[in-house]
């Protein structure tokens, strides 16, 4: 492990539960929530629901994969903060075949998305370009 986060005591985390409704964009709604609540850091604790279509960037690709739906949202993982979001999802089609990748804009909620976010109170997530990967990678900072 090359990066660690500042330790924080017990009881200094908050859980936010939310439900997205038909027509909401999954990524866009989470980005708006981060901005409106001025969230310093959050982890996706749980997420399930359904999508009209699937829009992801698969591993090793620089292009979006767009697939018609419906899709069941099986899982969503990642980090959210003022420095940006980094989210991966897994979804299943009508035959139970799974696809996944980096969550992009355009994943429109079909019926619902039930999401729980864990906000660690003593940490702020930032992103900085890592020359080794070429991507803006997560940094953990003590919250002010």
C-alpha atoms as a PDB file:
ATOM      1  CA  UNK A   1       0.000   0.000   0.000  1.00  0.00           C
ATOM      2  CA  UNK A   2       1.471   3.319  -1.041  1.00  0.00           C
ATOM      3  CA  UNK A   3      -1.274   5.637   0.192  1.00  0.00           C
ATOM      4  CA  UNK A   4      -3.150   5.623   3.451  1.00  0.00           C
ATOM      5  CA  UNK A   5      -5.867   7.791   4.862  1.00  0.00           C
ATOM      6  CA  UNK A   6      -5.882   9.666   8.142  1.00  0.00           C
ATOM      7  CA  UNK A   7      -7.324   7.558  10.966  1.00  0.00           C
ATOM      8  CA  UNK A   8     -10.695   8.558  12.312  1.00  0.00           C
ATOM      9  CA  UNK A   9     -12.518   7.574  15.454  1.00  0.00           C
ATOM     10  CA  UNK A  10     -15.616   5.502  15.817  1.00  0.00           C
ATOM     11  CA  UNK A  11     -18.909   7.263  15.386  1.00  0.00           C
ATOM     12  CA  UNK A  12     -17.519   9.834  12.990  1.00  0.00           C
ATOM     13  CA  UNK A  13     -19.244   8.459   9.907  1.00  0.00           C
ATOM     14  CA  UNK A  14     -22.642   9.278   8.469  1.00  0.00           C
ATOM     15  CA  UNK A  15     -24.899   7.085   6.346  1.00  0.00           C
ATOM     16  CA  UNK A  16     -27.012   8.712   3.641  1.00  0.00           C
ATOM     17  CA  UNK A  17     -29.772   6.711   1.978  1.00  0.00           C
ATOM     18  CA  UNK A  18     -31.386   7.895  -1.216  1.00  0.00           C
ATOM     19  CA  UNK A  19     -33.709   6.695  -3.931  1.00  0.00           C
ATOM     20  CA  UNK A  20     -33.406   7.815  -7.524  1.00  0.00           C
ATOM     21  CA  UNK A  21     -36.559   7.817  -9.647  1.00  0.00           C
ATOM     22  CA  UNK A  22     -37.297   6.996 -13.290  1.00  0.00           C
ATOM     23  CA  UNK A  23     -35.496   9.346 -15.656  1.00  0.00           C
ATOM     24  CA  UNK A  24     -32.652  10.275 -13.270  1.00  0.00           C
ATOM     25  CA  UNK A  25     -29.116   9.811 -14.548  1.00  0.00           C
ATOM     26  CA  UNK A  26     -27.271   7.589 -12.048  1.00  0.00           C
ATOM     27  CA  UNK A  27     -23.857   9.262 -12.254  1.00  0.00           C
ATOM     28  CA  UNK A  28     -25.266  12.754 -12.744  1.00  0.00           C
ATOM     29  CA  UNK A  29     -27.533  12.494  -9.705  1.00  0.00           C
ATOM     30  CA  UNK A  30     -24.617  11.402  -7.505  1.00  0.00           C
ATOM     31  CA  UNK A  31     -22.420  14.243  -8.808  1.00  0.00           C
ATOM     32  CA  UNK A  32     -25.195  16.746  -8.039  1.00  0.00           C
ATOM     33  CA  UNK A  33     -25.579  15.297  -4.532  1.00  0.00           C
ATOM     34  CA  UNK A  34     -21.841  15.708  -3.886  1.00  0.00           C
ATOM     35  CA  UNK A  35     -21.978  19.356  -5.003  1.00  0.00           C
ATOM     36  CA  UNK A  36     -25.226  20.268  -3.214  1.00  0.00           C
ATOM     37  CA  UNK A  37     -24.175  18.703   0.089  1.00  0.00           C
ATOM     38  CA  UNK A  38     -20.513  19.783  -0.269  1.00  0.00           C
ATOM     39  CA  UNK A  39     -19.453  16.194   0.464  1.00  0.00           C
ATOM     40  CA  UNK A  40     -15.773  15.900   1.281  1.00  0.00           C
ATOM     41  CA  UNK A  41     -15.758  12.099   0.948  1.00  0.00           C
ATOM     42  CA  UNK A  42     -18.156   9.210   0.455  1.00  0.00           C
ATOM     43  CA  UNK A  43     -18.008   5.499  -0.310  1.00  0.00           C
ATOM     44  CA  UNK A  44     -20.867   3.668  -2.001  1.00  0.00           C
ATOM     45  CA  UNK A  45     -22.027   1.184   0.639  1.00  0.00           C
ATOM     46  CA  UNK A  46     -24.876  -0.381  -1.348  1.00  0.00           C
ATOM     47  CA  UNK A  47     -26.776   0.166  -4.595  1.00  0.00           C
ATOM     48  CA  UNK A  48     -29.431  -1.775  -6.492  1.00  0.00           C
ATOM     49  CA  UNK A  49     -32.067  -0.837  -9.020  1.00  0.00           C
ATOM     50  CA  UNK A  50     -32.817  -0.863 -12.721  1.00  0.00           C
ATOM     51  CA  UNK A  51     -31.568   1.011 -15.771  1.00  0.00           C
ATOM     52  CA  UNK A  52     -33.101   1.771 -19.157  1.00  0.00           C
ATOM     53  CA  UNK A  53     -29.760   1.158 -20.880  1.00  0.00           C
ATOM     54  CA  UNK A  54     -26.153   0.602 -19.925  1.00  0.00           C
ATOM     55  CA  UNK A  55     -23.309   3.042 -20.594  1.00  0.00           C
ATOM     56  CA  UNK A  56     -19.882   2.002 -19.258  1.00  0.00           C
ATOM     57  CA  UNK A  57     -16.223   2.222 -20.158  1.00  0.00           C
ATOM     58  CA  UNK A  58     -14.926  -1.358 -20.109  1.00  0.00           C
ATOM     59  CA  UNK A  59     -11.514  -2.284 -18.730  1.00  0.00           C
ATOM     60  CA  UNK A  60      -8.630  -1.146 -20.931  1.00  0.00           C
ATOM     61  CA  UNK A  61     -10.866   0.828 -23.287  1.00  0.00           C
ATOM     62  CA  UNK A  62     -11.076   4.545 -23.883  1.00  0.00           C
ATOM     63  CA  UNK A  63     -14.509   4.301 -25.551  1.00  0.00           C
ATOM     64  CA  UNK A  64     -17.993   3.992 -24.129  1.00  0.00           C
ATOM     65  CA  UNK A  65     -19.945   0.757 -24.457  1.00  0.00           C
ATOM     66  CA  UNK A  66     -23.661   1.511 -24.890  1.00  0.00           C
ATOM     67  CA  UNK A  67     -26.174  -1.317 -24.618  1.00  0.00           C
ATOM     68  CA  UNK A  68     -29.967  -1.183 -24.838  1.00  0.00           C
ATOM     69  CA  UNK A  69     -31.906  -2.319 -21.794  1.00  0.00           C
ATOM     70  CA  UNK A  70     -33.537  -3.054 -19.554  1.00  0.00           C
ATOM     71  CA  UNK A  71     -30.744  -3.774 -17.044  1.00  0.00           C
ATOM     72  CA  UNK A  72     -30.814  -4.717 -13.377  1.00  0.00           C
ATOM     73  CA  UNK A  73     -28.270  -2.740 -11.353  1.00  0.00           C
ATOM     74  CA  UNK A  74     -26.595  -5.428  -9.248  1.00  0.00           C
ATOM     75  CA  UNK A  75     -23.839  -3.397  -7.645  1.00  0.00           C
ATOM     76  CA  UNK A  76     -22.163  -0.020  -7.635  1.00  0.00           C
ATOM     77  CA  UNK A  77     -18.826   0.618  -5.958  1.00  0.00           C
ATOM     78  CA  UNK A  78     -16.601   3.624  -5.713  1.00  0.00           C
ATOM     79  CA  UNK A  79     -15.622   6.890  -4.133  1.00  0.00           C
ATOM     80  CA  UNK A  80     -17.192  10.337  -4.333  1.00  0.00           C
ATOM     81  CA  UNK A  81     -15.832  13.682  -3.252  1.00  0.00           C
ATOM     82  CA  UNK A  82     -15.257  17.276  -4.245  1.00  0.00           C
ATOM     83  CA  UNK A  83     -12.356  16.151  -6.445  1.00  0.00           C
ATOM     84  CA  UNK A  84     -14.641  13.944  -8.535  1.00  0.00           C
ATOM     85  CA  UNK A  85     -16.291  10.543  -8.564  1.00  0.00           C
ATOM     86  CA  UNK A  86     -14.872   7.150  -9.512  1.00  0.00           C
ATOM     87  CA  UNK A  87     -17.596   4.545  -9.848  1.00  0.00           C
ATOM     88  CA  UNK A  88     -17.819   1.024 -11.262  1.00  0.00           C
ATOM     89  CA  UNK A  89     -21.036  -0.902 -11.757  1.00  0.00           C
ATOM     90  CA  UNK A  90     -22.240  -4.383 -12.557  1.00  0.00           C
ATOM     91  CA  UNK A  91     -25.598  -4.961 -14.238  1.00  0.00           C
ATOM     92  CA  UNK A  92     -27.485  -7.940 -15.677  1.00  0.00           C
ATOM     93  CA  UNK A  93     -29.584  -8.035 -18.849  1.00  0.00           C
ATOM     94  CA  UNK A  94     -32.937  -9.787 -19.321  1.00  0.00           C
ATOM     95  CA  UNK A  95     -31.147 -13.136 -19.778  1.00  0.00           C
ATOM     96  CA  UNK A  96     -29.011 -12.726 -16.657  1.00  0.00           C
ATOM     97  CA  UNK A  97     -25.795 -11.946 -18.526  1.00  0.00           C
ATOM     98  CA  UNK A  98     -23.646  -9.462 -16.632  1.00  0.00           C
ATOM     99  CA  UNK A  99     -21.665  -6.515 -17.871  1.00  0.00           C
ATOM    100  CA  UNK A 100     -19.718  -3.954 -15.969  1.00  0.00           C
ATOM    101  CA  UNK A 101     -17.170  -1.195 -16.063  1.00  0.00           C
ATOM    102  CA  UNK A 102     -16.515   2.428 -15.265  1.00  0.00           C
ATOM    103  CA  UNK A 103     -19.840   4.260 -14.806  1.00  0.00           C
ATOM    104  CA  UNK A 104     -20.377   6.984 -17.390  1.00  0.00           C
ATOM    105  CA  UNK A 105     -23.157   9.537 -17.859  1.00  0.00           C
ATOM    106  CA  UNK A 106     -26.276   8.237 -19.582  1.00  0.00           C
ATOM    107  CA  UNK A 107     -27.312   5.417 -17.237  1.00  0.00           C
ATOM    108  CA  UNK A 108     -30.951   6.416 -16.870  1.00  0.00           C
ATOM    109  CA  UNK A 109     -32.992   4.922 -14.038  1.00  0.00           C
ATOM    110  CA  UNK A 110     -35.823   2.686 -15.294  1.00  0.00           C
ATOM    111  CA  UNK A 111     -37.851   2.113 -12.089  1.00  0.00           C
ATOM    112  CA  UNK A 112     -35.648   2.900  -9.095  1.00  0.00           C
ATOM    113  CA  UNK A 113     -32.153   3.001  -7.651  1.00  0.00           C
ATOM    114  CA  UNK A 114     -31.732   2.465  -3.920  1.00  0.00           C
ATOM    115  CA  UNK A 115     -28.358   3.753  -2.768  1.00  0.00           C
ATOM    116  CA  UNK A 116     -26.562   4.022   0.562  1.00  0.00           C
ATOM    117  CA  UNK A 117     -23.483   6.222   0.920  1.00  0.00           C
ATOM    118  CA  UNK A 118     -21.045   6.138   3.823  1.00  0.00           C
ATOM    119  CA  UNK A 119     -19.420   9.489   4.627  1.00  0.00           C
ATOM    120  CA  UNK A 120     -16.256   9.211   6.753  1.00  0.00           C
ATOM    121  CA  UNK A 121     -16.217  12.405   8.792  1.00  0.00           C
ATOM    122  CA  UNK A 122     -12.480  12.936   9.200  1.00  0.00           C
ATOM    123  CA  UNK A 123     -11.416  12.368   5.586  1.00  0.00           C
ATOM    124  CA  UNK A 124     -11.557  14.371   2.371  1.00  0.00           C
ATOM    125  CA  UNK A 125     -11.097  12.716  -1.026  1.00  0.00           C
ATOM    126  CA  UNK A 126      -9.148  14.564  -3.689  1.00  0.00           C
ATOM    127  CA  UNK A 127      -7.877  13.434  -7.079  1.00  0.00           C
ATOM    128  CA  UNK A 128      -4.465  14.122  -8.548  1.00  0.00           C
ATOM    129  CA  UNK A 129      -2.886  13.087 -11.819  1.00  0.00           C
ATOM    130  CA  UNK A 130      -0.637  10.084 -11.232  1.00  0.00           C
ATOM    131  CA  UNK A 131       2.164   9.996 -13.837  1.00  0.00           C
ATOM    132  CA  UNK A 132       2.476   6.228 -13.400  1.00  0.00           C
ATOM    133  CA  UNK A 133      -1.143   5.533 -14.449  1.00  0.00           C
ATOM    134  CA  UNK A 134      -2.048   8.613 -16.474  1.00  0.00           C
ATOM    135  CA  UNK A 135      -5.268   8.996 -14.471  1.00  0.00           C
ATOM    136  CA  UNK A 136      -6.448  11.293 -11.684  1.00  0.00           C
ATOM    137  CA  UNK A 137      -6.076   8.953  -8.690  1.00  0.00           C
ATOM    138  CA  UNK A 138      -7.574   9.145  -5.222  1.00  0.00           C
ATOM    139  CA  UNK A 139      -5.776  10.962  -2.405  1.00  0.00           C
ATOM    140  CA  UNK A 140      -6.891  10.848   1.220  1.00  0.00           C
ATOM    141  CA  UNK A 141      -6.561  14.047   3.237  1.00  0.00           C
ATOM    142  CA  UNK A 142      -7.565  14.950   6.755  1.00  0.00           C
ATOM    143  CA  UNK A 143     -10.812  16.924   6.646  1.00  0.00           C
ATOM    144  CA  UNK A 144     -10.581  20.498   7.776  1.00  0.00           C
END
